[in-house]
Amino acid sequence: MEKTEQKEEVVIDKIVKTINKLDATLTSLDGIEESDKKHTLKKWYEEKKAMHEIKKILHEAGRYEKYDEKELDQWDEDLNTIV
Protein backbone atom coordinates (compact mmCIF):
# COMPACT_ATOMS: atom_id res chain seq x y z
CA MET A 1 0.00 0.00 0.00
CA GLU A 2 1.32 3.44 -0.85
CA LYS A 3 2.15 5.92 1.85
CA THR A 4 -0.61 8.26 0.60
CA GLU A 5 -3.19 5.48 0.83
CA GLN A 6 -2.05 4.68 4.37
CA LYS A 7 -2.43 8.32 5.38
CA GLU A 8 -5.89 8.48 3.83
CA GLU A 9 -6.88 5.33 5.68
CA VAL A 10 -5.72 6.82 8.98
CA VAL A 11 -7.71 10.01 8.28
CA ILE A 12 -10.82 8.03 7.40
CA ASP A 13 -10.45 5.90 10.55
CA LYS A 14 -10.22 9.04 12.71
CA ILE A 15 -13.32 10.51 11.07
CA VAL A 16 -15.22 7.25 11.55
CA LYS A 17 -14.27 7.22 15.25
CA THR A 18 -15.50 10.80 15.60
CA ILE A 19 -18.81 10.01 13.90
CA ASN A 20 -19.28 6.86 16.01
CA LYS A 21 -18.61 8.87 19.17
CA LEU A 22 -21.18 11.47 18.05
CA ASP A 23 -23.75 8.75 17.34
CA ALA A 24 -23.20 7.24 20.79
CA THR A 25 -23.48 10.61 22.48
CA LEU A 26 -26.67 11.53 20.62
CA THR A 27 -28.18 8.14 21.44
CA SER A 28 -27.28 8.69 25.08
CA LEU A 29 -28.87 12.13 25.04
CA ASP A 30 -32.04 10.67 23.54
CA GLY A 31 -32.35 8.46 26.62
CA ILE A 32 -32.17 11.39 29.04
CA GLU A 33 -35.37 13.11 30.02
CA GLU A 34 -34.79 16.86 29.98
CA SER A 35 -36.56 19.90 28.71
CA ASP A 36 -36.70 19.92 24.92
CA LYS A 37 -34.76 23.18 24.65
CA LYS A 38 -31.85 22.03 26.80
CA HIS A 39 -31.79 18.64 25.10
CA THR A 40 -31.71 20.23 21.64
CA LEU A 41 -28.95 22.58 22.73
CA LYS A 42 -26.79 19.69 23.95
CA LYS A 43 -27.30 17.84 20.68
CA TRP A 44 -26.35 20.97 18.74
CA TYR A 45 -23.19 21.37 20.81
CA GLU A 46 -22.16 17.73 20.36
CA GLU A 47 -22.66 18.02 16.61
CA LYS A 48 -20.55 21.19 16.53
CA LYS A 49 -17.79 19.45 18.51
CA ALA A 50 -17.78 16.53 16.09
CA MET A 51 -17.64 18.84 13.07
CA HIS A 52 -14.78 20.75 14.68
CA GLU A 53 -12.87 17.50 15.25
CA ILE A 54 -13.44 16.38 11.65
CA LYS A 55 -12.21 19.76 10.37
CA LYS A 56 -9.13 19.39 12.58
CA ILE A 57 -8.42 15.89 11.24
CA LEU A 58 -8.77 17.05 7.65
CA HIS A 59 -6.65 20.13 8.31
CA GLU A 60 -3.87 17.99 9.79
CA ALA A 61 -4.03 15.83 6.65
CA GLY A 62 -3.68 18.94 4.47
CA ARG A 63 -7.18 18.60 3.00
CA TYR A 64 -9.01 21.48 4.71
CA GLU A 65 -7.66 25.01 4.99
CA LYS A 66 -10.51 26.79 6.81
CA TYR A 67 -9.92 25.12 10.18
CA ASP A 68 -10.01 27.60 13.06
CA GLU A 69 -8.55 26.22 16.27
CA LYS A 70 -10.40 28.82 18.36
CA GLU A 71 -13.81 28.06 16.84
CA LEU A 72 -14.71 25.54 19.56
CA ASP A 73 -13.75 28.04 22.27
CA GLN A 74 -16.17 30.54 20.74
CA TRP A 75 -18.96 27.94 20.76
CA ASP A 76 -18.18 27.23 24.43
CA GLU A 77 -18.49 30.94 25.22
CA ASP A 78 -21.75 31.17 23.26
CA LEU A 79 -23.14 28.14 25.06
CA ASN A 80 -22.19 29.53 28.46
CA THR A 81 -23.98 32.80 27.75
CA ILE A 82 -27.12 30.91 26.76
CA VAL A 83 -27.19 28.42 29.63
PDB file of N, CA and C in Angstrom:
ATOM      1  N   MET A   1       0.850  -1.176   0.000  1.00  0.00           N
ATOM      2  CA  MET A   1       0.000   0.000   0.000  1.00  0.00           C
ATOM      3  C   MET A   1       0.895   1.240   0.000  1.00  0.00           C
ATOM      4  N   GLU A   2       0.536   2.202  -0.784  1.00  0.00           N
ATOM      5  CA  GLU A   2       1.316   3.435  -0.847  1.00  0.00           C
ATOM      6  C   GLU A   2       1.176   4.241   0.431  1.00  0.00           C
ATOM      7  N   LYS A   3       2.168   5.075   0.661  1.00  0.00           N
ATOM      8  CA  LYS A   3       2.153   5.921   1.853  1.00  0.00           C
ATOM      9  C   LYS A   3       0.937   6.842   1.869  1.00  0.00           C
ATOM     10  N   THR A   4       0.559   7.375   0.706  1.00  0.00           N
ATOM     11  CA  THR A   4      -0.609   8.257   0.598  1.00  0.00           C
ATOM     12  C   THR A   4      -1.882   7.506   0.978  1.00  0.00           C
ATOM     13  N   GLU A   5      -2.003   6.279   0.503  1.00  0.00           N
ATOM     14  CA  GLU A   5      -3.187   5.478   0.827  1.00  0.00           C
ATOM     15  C   GLU A   5      -3.241   5.171   2.316  1.00  0.00           C
ATOM     16  N   GLN A   6      -2.090   4.939   2.928  1.00  0.00           N
ATOM     17  CA  GLN A   6      -2.050   4.683   4.368  1.00  0.00           C
ATOM     18  C   GLN A   6      -2.497   5.914   5.146  1.00  0.00           C
ATOM     19  N   LYS A   7      -2.034   7.090   4.718  1.00  0.00           N
ATOM     20  CA  LYS A   7      -2.430   8.325   5.378  1.00  0.00           C
ATOM     21  C   LYS A   7      -3.936   8.551   5.246  1.00  0.00           C
ATOM     22  N   GLU A   8      -4.460   8.311   4.048  1.00  0.00           N
ATOM     23  CA  GLU A   8      -5.892   8.482   3.831  1.00  0.00           C
ATOM     24  C   GLU A   8      -6.692   7.522   4.704  1.00  0.00           C
ATOM     25  N   GLU A   9      -6.196   6.315   4.854  1.00  0.00           N
ATOM     26  CA  GLU A   9      -6.882   5.328   5.684  1.00  0.00           C
ATOM     27  C   GLU A   9      -6.898   5.768   7.147  1.00  0.00           C
ATOM     28  N   VAL A  10      -5.789   6.323   7.607  1.00  0.00           N
ATOM     29  CA  VAL A  10      -5.722   6.823   8.979  1.00  0.00           C
ATOM     30  C   VAL A  10      -6.715   7.966   9.169  1.00  0.00           C
ATOM     31  N   VAL A  11      -6.781   8.881   8.212  1.00  0.00           N
ATOM     32  CA  VAL A  11      -7.710  10.014   8.285  1.00  0.00           C
ATOM     33  C   VAL A  11      -9.148   9.502   8.319  1.00  0.00           C
ATOM     34  N   ILE A  12      -9.461   8.575   7.447  1.00  0.00           N
ATOM     35  CA  ILE A  12     -10.817   8.025   7.402  1.00  0.00           C
ATOM     36  C   ILE A  12     -11.151   7.328   8.716  1.00  0.00           C
ATOM     37  N   ASP A  13     -10.215   6.572   9.272  1.00  0.00           N
ATOM     38  CA  ASP A  13     -10.449   5.896  10.552  1.00  0.00           C
ATOM     39  C   ASP A  13     -10.738   6.903  11.665  1.00  0.00           C
ATOM     40  N   LYS A  14      -9.992   8.011  11.685  1.00  0.00           N
ATOM     41  CA  LYS A  14     -10.218   9.042  12.709  1.00  0.00           C
ATOM     42  C   LYS A  14     -11.598   9.677  12.549  1.00  0.00           C
ATOM     43  N   ILE A  15     -11.996   9.927  11.314  1.00  0.00           N
ATOM     44  CA  ILE A  15     -13.318  10.507  11.066  1.00  0.00           C
ATOM     45  C   ILE A  15     -14.417   9.536  11.481  1.00  0.00           C
ATOM     46  N   VAL A  16     -14.241   8.261  11.161  1.00  0.00           N
ATOM     47  CA  VAL A  16     -15.221   7.248  11.549  1.00  0.00           C
ATOM     48  C   VAL A  16     -15.347   7.177  13.070  1.00  0.00           C
ATOM     49  N   LYS A  17     -14.235   7.240  13.784  1.00  0.00           N
ATOM     50  CA  LYS A  17     -14.271   7.216  15.252  1.00  0.00           C
ATOM     51  C   LYS A  17     -15.023   8.430  15.786  1.00  0.00           C
ATOM     52  N   THR A  18     -14.802   9.584  15.174  1.00  0.00           N
ATOM     53  CA  THR A  18     -15.496  10.801  15.601  1.00  0.00           C
ATOM     54  C   THR A  18     -16.998  10.681  15.370  1.00  0.00           C
ATOM     55  N   ILE A  19     -17.386  10.177  14.217  1.00  0.00           N
ATOM     56  CA  ILE A  19     -18.813  10.011  13.904  1.00  0.00           C
ATOM     57  C   ILE A  19     -19.450   8.970  14.827  1.00  0.00           C
ATOM     58  N   ASN A  20     -18.751   7.885  15.095  1.00  0.00           N
ATOM     59  CA  ASN A  20     -19.278   6.863  16.010  1.00  0.00           C
ATOM     60  C   ASN A  20     -19.457   7.423  17.418  1.00  0.00           C
ATOM     61  N   LYS A  21     -18.498   8.240  17.857  1.00  0.00           N
ATOM     62  CA  LYS A  21     -18.607   8.872  19.167  1.00  0.00           C
ATOM     63  C   LYS A  21     -19.815   9.809  19.203  1.00  0.00           C
ATOM     64  N   LEU A  22     -20.017  10.578  18.132  1.00  0.00           N
ATOM     65  CA  LEU A  22     -21.178  11.468  18.049  1.00  0.00           C
ATOM     66  C   LEU A  22     -22.469  10.663  18.107  1.00  0.00           C
ATOM     67  N   ASP A  23     -22.546   9.593  17.333  1.00  0.00           N
ATOM     68  CA  ASP A  23     -23.754   8.754  17.345  1.00  0.00           C
ATOM     69  C   ASP A  23     -24.049   8.227  18.741  1.00  0.00           C
ATOM     70  N   ALA A  24     -23.019   7.768  19.430  1.00  0.00           N
ATOM     71  CA  ALA A  24     -23.203   7.239  20.786  1.00  0.00           C
ATOM     72  C   ALA A  24     -23.670   8.329  21.742  1.00  0.00           C
ATOM     73  N   THR A  25     -23.095   9.505  21.617  1.00  0.00           N
ATOM     74  CA  THR A  25     -23.484  10.614  22.479  1.00  0.00           C
ATOM     75  C   THR A  25     -24.928  11.035  22.226  1.00  0.00           C
ATOM     76  N   LEU A  26     -25.299  11.139  20.954  1.00  0.00           N
ATOM     77  CA  LEU A  26     -26.673  11.526  20.625  1.00  0.00           C
ATOM     78  C   LEU A  26     -27.673  10.479  21.090  1.00  0.00           C
ATOM     79  N   THR A  27     -27.317   9.218  20.957  1.00  0.00           N
ATOM     80  CA  THR A  27     -28.182   8.141  21.442  1.00  0.00           C
ATOM     81  C   THR A  27     -28.333   8.232  22.952  1.00  0.00           C
ATOM     82  N   SER A  28     -27.245   8.519  23.625  1.00  0.00           N
ATOM     83  CA  SER A  28     -27.277   8.685  25.077  1.00  0.00           C
ATOM     84  C   SER A  28     -28.170   9.858  25.472  1.00  0.00           C
ATOM     85  N   LEU A  29     -28.042  10.956  24.745  1.00  0.00           N
ATOM     86  CA  LEU A  29     -28.874  12.131  25.044  1.00  0.00           C
ATOM     87  C   LEU A  29     -30.349  11.858  24.793  1.00  0.00           C
ATOM     88  N   ASP A  30     -30.644  11.013  23.811  1.00  0.00           N
ATOM     89  CA  ASP A  30     -32.040  10.667  23.541  1.00  0.00           C
ATOM     90  C   ASP A  30     -32.668   9.920  24.716  1.00  0.00           C
ATOM     91  N   GLY A  31     -31.843   9.221  25.484  1.00  0.00           N
ATOM     92  CA  GLY A  31     -32.350   8.461  26.623  1.00  0.00           C
ATOM     93  C   GLY A  31     -32.550   9.290  27.871  1.00  0.00           C
ATOM     94  N   ILE A  32     -32.072  10.513  27.867  1.00  0.00           N
ATOM     95  CA  ILE A  32     -32.173  11.390  29.037  1.00  0.00           C
ATOM     96  C   ILE A  32     -33.441  12.230  28.927  1.00  0.00           C
ATOM     97  N   GLU A  33     -34.173  12.280  30.012  1.00  0.00           N
ATOM     98  CA  GLU A  33     -35.366  13.110  30.020  1.00  0.00           C
ATOM     99  C   GLU A  33     -35.005  14.499  30.527  1.00  0.00           C
ATOM    100  N   GLU A  34     -35.064  15.464  29.642  1.00  0.00           N
ATOM    101  CA  GLU A  34     -34.795  16.858  29.977  1.00  0.00           C
ATOM    102  C   GLU A  34     -35.773  17.728  29.198  1.00  0.00           C
ATOM    103  N   SER A  35     -35.726  19.004  29.486  1.00  0.00           N
ATOM    104  CA  SER A  35     -36.559  19.901  28.707  1.00  0.00           C
ATOM    105  C   SER A  35     -36.095  19.852  27.260  1.00  0.00           C
ATOM    106  N   ASP A  36     -37.026  20.004  26.337  1.00  0.00           N
ATOM    107  CA  ASP A  36     -36.704  19.918  24.918  1.00  0.00           C
ATOM    108  C   ASP A  36     -35.630  20.925  24.503  1.00  0.00           C
ATOM    109  N   LYS A  37     -35.704  22.134  25.037  1.00  0.00           N
ATOM    110  CA  LYS A  37     -34.762  23.180  24.646  1.00  0.00           C
ATOM    111  C   LYS A  37     -33.340  22.823  25.069  1.00  0.00           C
ATOM    112  N   LYS A  38     -33.172  22.376  26.299  1.00  0.00           N
ATOM    113  CA  LYS A  38     -31.851  22.030  26.802  1.00  0.00           C
ATOM    114  C   LYS A  38     -31.306  20.810  26.063  1.00  0.00           C
ATOM    115  N   HIS A  39     -32.166  19.860  25.812  1.00  0.00           N
ATOM    116  CA  HIS A  39     -31.794  18.642  25.101  1.00  0.00           C
ATOM    117  C   HIS A  39     -31.330  18.974  23.682  1.00  0.00           C
ATOM    118  N   THR A  40     -32.054  19.813  22.997  1.00  0.00           N
ATOM    119  CA  THR A  40     -31.707  20.228  21.640  1.00  0.00           C
ATOM    120  C   THR A  40     -30.391  20.989  21.634  1.00  0.00           C
ATOM    121  N   LEU A  41     -30.179  21.818  22.628  1.00  0.00           N
ATOM    122  CA  LEU A  41     -28.945  22.584  22.733  1.00  0.00           C
ATOM    123  C   LEU A  41     -27.747  21.665  22.930  1.00  0.00           C
ATOM    124  N   LYS A  42     -27.886  20.642  23.752  1.00  0.00           N
ATOM    125  CA  LYS A  42     -26.795  19.688  23.954  1.00  0.00           C
ATOM    126  C   LYS A  42     -26.479  18.925  22.674  1.00  0.00           C
ATOM    127  N   LYS A  43     -27.512  18.533  21.952  1.00  0.00           N
ATOM    128  CA  LYS A  43     -27.301  17.841  20.685  1.00  0.00           C
ATOM    129  C   LYS A  43     -26.564  18.750  19.695  1.00  0.00           C
ATOM    130  N   TRP A  44     -26.990  20.009  19.625  1.00  0.00           N
ATOM    131  CA  TRP A  44     -26.346  20.975  18.742  1.00  0.00           C
ATOM    132  C   TRP A  44     -24.870  21.095  19.085  1.00  0.00           C
ATOM    133  N   TYR A  45     -24.565  21.205  20.361  1.00  0.00           N
ATOM    134  CA  TYR A  45     -23.189  21.366  20.807  1.00  0.00           C
ATOM    135  C   TYR A  45     -22.346  20.140  20.457  1.00  0.00           C
ATOM    136  N   GLU A  46     -22.886  18.958  20.676  1.00  0.00           N
ATOM    137  CA  GLU A  46     -22.156  17.732  20.358  1.00  0.00           C
ATOM    138  C   GLU A  46     -21.892  17.620  18.858  1.00  0.00           C
ATOM    139  N   GLU A  47     -22.861  18.029  18.062  1.00  0.00           N
ATOM    140  CA  GLU A  47     -22.661  18.016  16.609  1.00  0.00           C
ATOM    141  C   GLU A  47     -21.583  19.015  16.200  1.00  0.00           C
ATOM    142  N   LYS A  48     -21.573  20.184  16.812  1.00  0.00           N
ATOM    143  CA  LYS A  48     -20.551  21.188  16.531  1.00  0.00           C
ATOM    144  C   LYS A  48     -19.166  20.678  16.929  1.00  0.00           C
ATOM    145  N   LYS A  49     -19.079  20.012  18.077  1.00  0.00           N
ATOM    146  CA  LYS A  49     -17.793  19.454  18.513  1.00  0.00           C
ATOM    147  C   LYS A  49     -17.283  18.414  17.519  1.00  0.00           C
ATOM    148  N   ALA A  50     -18.176  17.564  17.049  1.00  0.00           N
ATOM    149  CA  ALA A  50     -17.785  16.532  16.089  1.00  0.00           C
ATOM    150  C   ALA A  50     -17.322  17.162  14.775  1.00  0.00           C
ATOM    151  N   MET A  51     -18.039  18.164  14.300  1.00  0.00           N
ATOM    152  CA  MET A  51     -17.637  18.844  13.066  1.00  0.00           C
ATOM    153  C   MET A  51     -16.274  19.517  13.242  1.00  0.00           C
ATOM    154  N   HIS A  52     -16.057  20.109  14.396  1.00  0.00           N
ATOM    155  CA  HIS A  52     -14.776  20.747  14.684  1.00  0.00           C
ATOM    156  C   HIS A  52     -13.649  19.711  14.651  1.00  0.00           C
ATOM    157  N   GLU A  53     -13.882  18.564  15.237  1.00  0.00           N
ATOM    158  CA  GLU A  53     -12.875  17.502  15.251  1.00  0.00           C
ATOM    159  C   GLU A  53     -12.593  16.995  13.836  1.00  0.00           C
ATOM    160  N   ILE A  54     -13.623  16.831  13.031  1.00  0.00           N
ATOM    161  CA  ILE A  54     -13.439  16.384  11.645  1.00  0.00           C
ATOM    162  C   ILE A  54     -12.647  17.422  10.849  1.00  0.00           C
ATOM    163  N   LYS A  55     -12.965  18.694  11.043  1.00  0.00           N
ATOM    164  CA  LYS A  55     -12.210  19.755  10.371  1.00  0.00           C
ATOM    165  C   LYS A  55     -10.740  19.713  10.782  1.00  0.00           C
ATOM    166  N   LYS A  56     -10.495  19.476  12.064  1.00  0.00           N
ATOM    167  CA  LYS A  56      -9.125  19.393  12.576  1.00  0.00           C
ATOM    168  C   LYS A  56      -8.375  18.224  11.927  1.00  0.00           C
ATOM    169  N   ILE A  57      -9.024  17.072  11.856  1.00  0.00           N
ATOM    170  CA  ILE A  57      -8.421  15.886  11.243  1.00  0.00           C
ATOM    171  C   ILE A  57      -8.072  16.164   9.786  1.00  0.00           C
ATOM    172  N   LEU A  58      -9.011  16.745   9.056  1.00  0.00           N
ATOM    173  CA  LEU A  58      -8.775  17.053   7.645  1.00  0.00           C
ATOM    174  C   LEU A  58      -7.699  18.124   7.471  1.00  0.00           C
ATOM    175  N   HIS A  59      -7.669  19.096   8.368  1.00  0.00           N
ATOM    176  CA  HIS A  59      -6.647  20.132   8.314  1.00  0.00           C
ATOM    177  C   HIS A  59      -5.257  19.532   8.533  1.00  0.00           C
ATOM    178  N   GLU A  60      -5.145  18.648   9.516  1.00  0.00           N
ATOM    179  CA  GLU A  60      -3.869  17.991   9.792  1.00  0.00           C
ATOM    180  C   GLU A  60      -3.403  17.146   8.605  1.00  0.00           C
ATOM    181  N   ALA A  61      -4.360  16.640   7.830  1.00  0.00           N
ATOM    182  CA  ALA A  61      -4.034  15.833   6.650  1.00  0.00           C
ATOM    183  C   ALA A  61      -3.779  16.707   5.419  1.00  0.00           C
ATOM    184  N   GLY A  62      -3.918  18.034   5.585  1.00  0.00           N
ATOM    185  CA  GLY A  62      -3.681  18.941   4.470  1.00  0.00           C
ATOM    186  C   GLY A  62      -4.815  19.002   3.469  1.00  0.00           C
ATOM    187  N   ARG A  63      -6.030  18.632   3.902  1.00  0.00           N
ATOM    188  CA  ARG A  63      -7.182  18.605   3.004  1.00  0.00           C
ATOM    189  C   ARG A  63      -8.223  19.665   3.291  1.00  0.00           C
ATOM    190  N   TYR A  64      -8.019  20.466   4.340  1.00  0.00           N
ATOM    191  CA  TYR A  64      -9.009  21.484   4.706  1.00  0.00           C
ATOM    192  C   TYR A  64      -8.267  22.690   5.265  1.00  0.00           C
ATOM    193  N   GLU A  65      -8.419  23.824   4.620  1.00  0.00           N
ATOM    194  CA  GLU A  65      -7.656  25.012   4.989  1.00  0.00           C
ATOM    195  C   GLU A  65      -8.412  25.976   5.906  1.00  0.00           C
ATOM    196  N   LYS A  66      -9.714  25.826   6.050  1.00  0.00           N
ATOM    197  CA  LYS A  66     -10.515  26.794   6.805  1.00  0.00           C
ATOM    198  C   LYS A  66     -10.632  26.464   8.294  1.00  0.00           C
ATOM    199  N   TYR A  67      -9.859  25.524   8.774  1.00  0.00           N
ATOM    200  CA  TYR A  67      -9.917  25.121  10.181  1.00  0.00           C
ATOM    201  C   TYR A  67      -9.492  26.272  11.088  1.00  0.00           C
ATOM    202  N   ASP A  68     -10.314  26.559  12.082  1.00  0.00           N
ATOM    203  CA  ASP A  68     -10.007  27.600  13.057  1.00  0.00           C
ATOM    204  C   ASP A  68      -9.948  26.943  14.431  1.00  0.00           C
ATOM    205  N   GLU A  69      -8.765  26.889  14.988  1.00  0.00           N
ATOM    206  CA  GLU A  69      -8.552  26.223  16.269  1.00  0.00           C
ATOM    207  C   GLU A  69      -9.403  26.827  17.384  1.00  0.00           C
ATOM    208  N   LYS A  70      -9.681  28.125  17.306  1.00  0.00           N
ATOM    209  CA  LYS A  70     -10.404  28.822  18.362  1.00  0.00           C
ATOM    210  C   LYS A  70     -11.922  28.752  18.192  1.00  0.00           C
ATOM    211  N   GLU A  71     -12.384  28.122  17.119  1.00  0.00           N
ATOM    212  CA  GLU A  71     -13.814  28.056  16.839  1.00  0.00           C
ATOM    213  C   GLU A  71     -14.576  27.365  17.975  1.00  0.00           C
ATOM    214  N   LEU A  72     -14.037  26.277  18.481  1.00  0.00           N
ATOM    215  CA  LEU A  72     -14.710  25.539  19.558  1.00  0.00           C
ATOM    216  C   LEU A  72     -14.780  26.385  20.829  1.00  0.00           C
ATOM    217  N   ASP A  73     -13.729  27.150  21.109  1.00  0.00           N
ATOM    218  CA  ASP A  73     -13.746  28.041  22.271  1.00  0.00           C
ATOM    219  C   ASP A  73     -14.872  29.062  22.162  1.00  0.00           C
ATOM    220  N   GLN A  74     -15.100  29.565  20.956  1.00  0.00           N
ATOM    221  CA  GLN A  74     -16.175  30.537  20.736  1.00  0.00           C
ATOM    222  C   GLN A  74     -17.535  29.891  20.981  1.00  0.00           C
ATOM    223  N   TRP A  75     -17.695  28.648  20.518  1.00  0.00           N
ATOM    224  CA  TRP A  75     -18.957  27.943  20.761  1.00  0.00           C
ATOM    225  C   TRP A  75     -19.167  27.715  22.252  1.00  0.00           C
ATOM    226  N   ASP A  76     -18.078  27.396  22.976  1.00  0.00           N
ATOM    227  CA  ASP A  76     -18.182  27.231  24.427  1.00  0.00           C
ATOM    228  C   ASP A  76     -18.656  28.522  25.086  1.00  0.00           C
ATOM    229  N   GLU A  77     -18.083  29.638  24.666  1.00  0.00           N
ATOM    230  CA  GLU A  77     -18.493  30.938  25.215  1.00  0.00           C
ATOM    231  C   GLU A  77     -19.962  31.215  24.899  1.00  0.00           C
ATOM    232  N   ASP A  78     -20.360  30.959  23.652  1.00  0.00           N
ATOM    233  CA  ASP A  78     -21.749  31.170  23.261  1.00  0.00           C
ATOM    234  C   ASP A  78     -22.688  30.301  24.088  1.00  0.00           C
ATOM    235  N   LEU A  79     -22.313  29.058  24.283  1.00  0.00           N
ATOM    236  CA  LEU A  79     -23.143  28.139  25.062  1.00  0.00           C
ATOM    237  C   LEU A  79     -23.262  28.608  26.512  1.00  0.00           C
ATOM    238  N   ASN A  80     -22.164  29.070  27.082  1.00  0.00           N
ATOM    239  CA  ASN A  80     -22.187  29.527  28.459  1.00  0.00           C
ATOM    240  C   ASN A  80     -23.047  30.770  28.645  1.00  0.00           C
ATOM    241  N   THR A  81     -23.122  31.619  27.633  1.00  0.00           N
ATOM    242  CA  THR A  81     -23.979  32.797  27.753  1.00  0.00           C
ATOM    243  C   THR A  81     -25.456  32.436  27.637  1.00  0.00           C
ATOM    244  N   ILE A  82     -25.734  31.354  26.924  1.00  0.00           N
ATOM    245  CA  ILE A  82     -27.119  30.914  26.761  1.00  0.00           C
ATOM    246  C   ILE A  82     -27.613  30.163  27.986  1.00  0.00           C
ATOM    247  N   VAL A  83     -26.779  29.295  28.512  1.00  0.00           N
ATOM    248  CA  VAL A  83     -27.185  28.416  29.626  1.00  0.00           C
ATOM    249  C   VAL A  83     -27.057  29.097  30.922  1.00  0.00           C
TER     250      VAL A  83
END
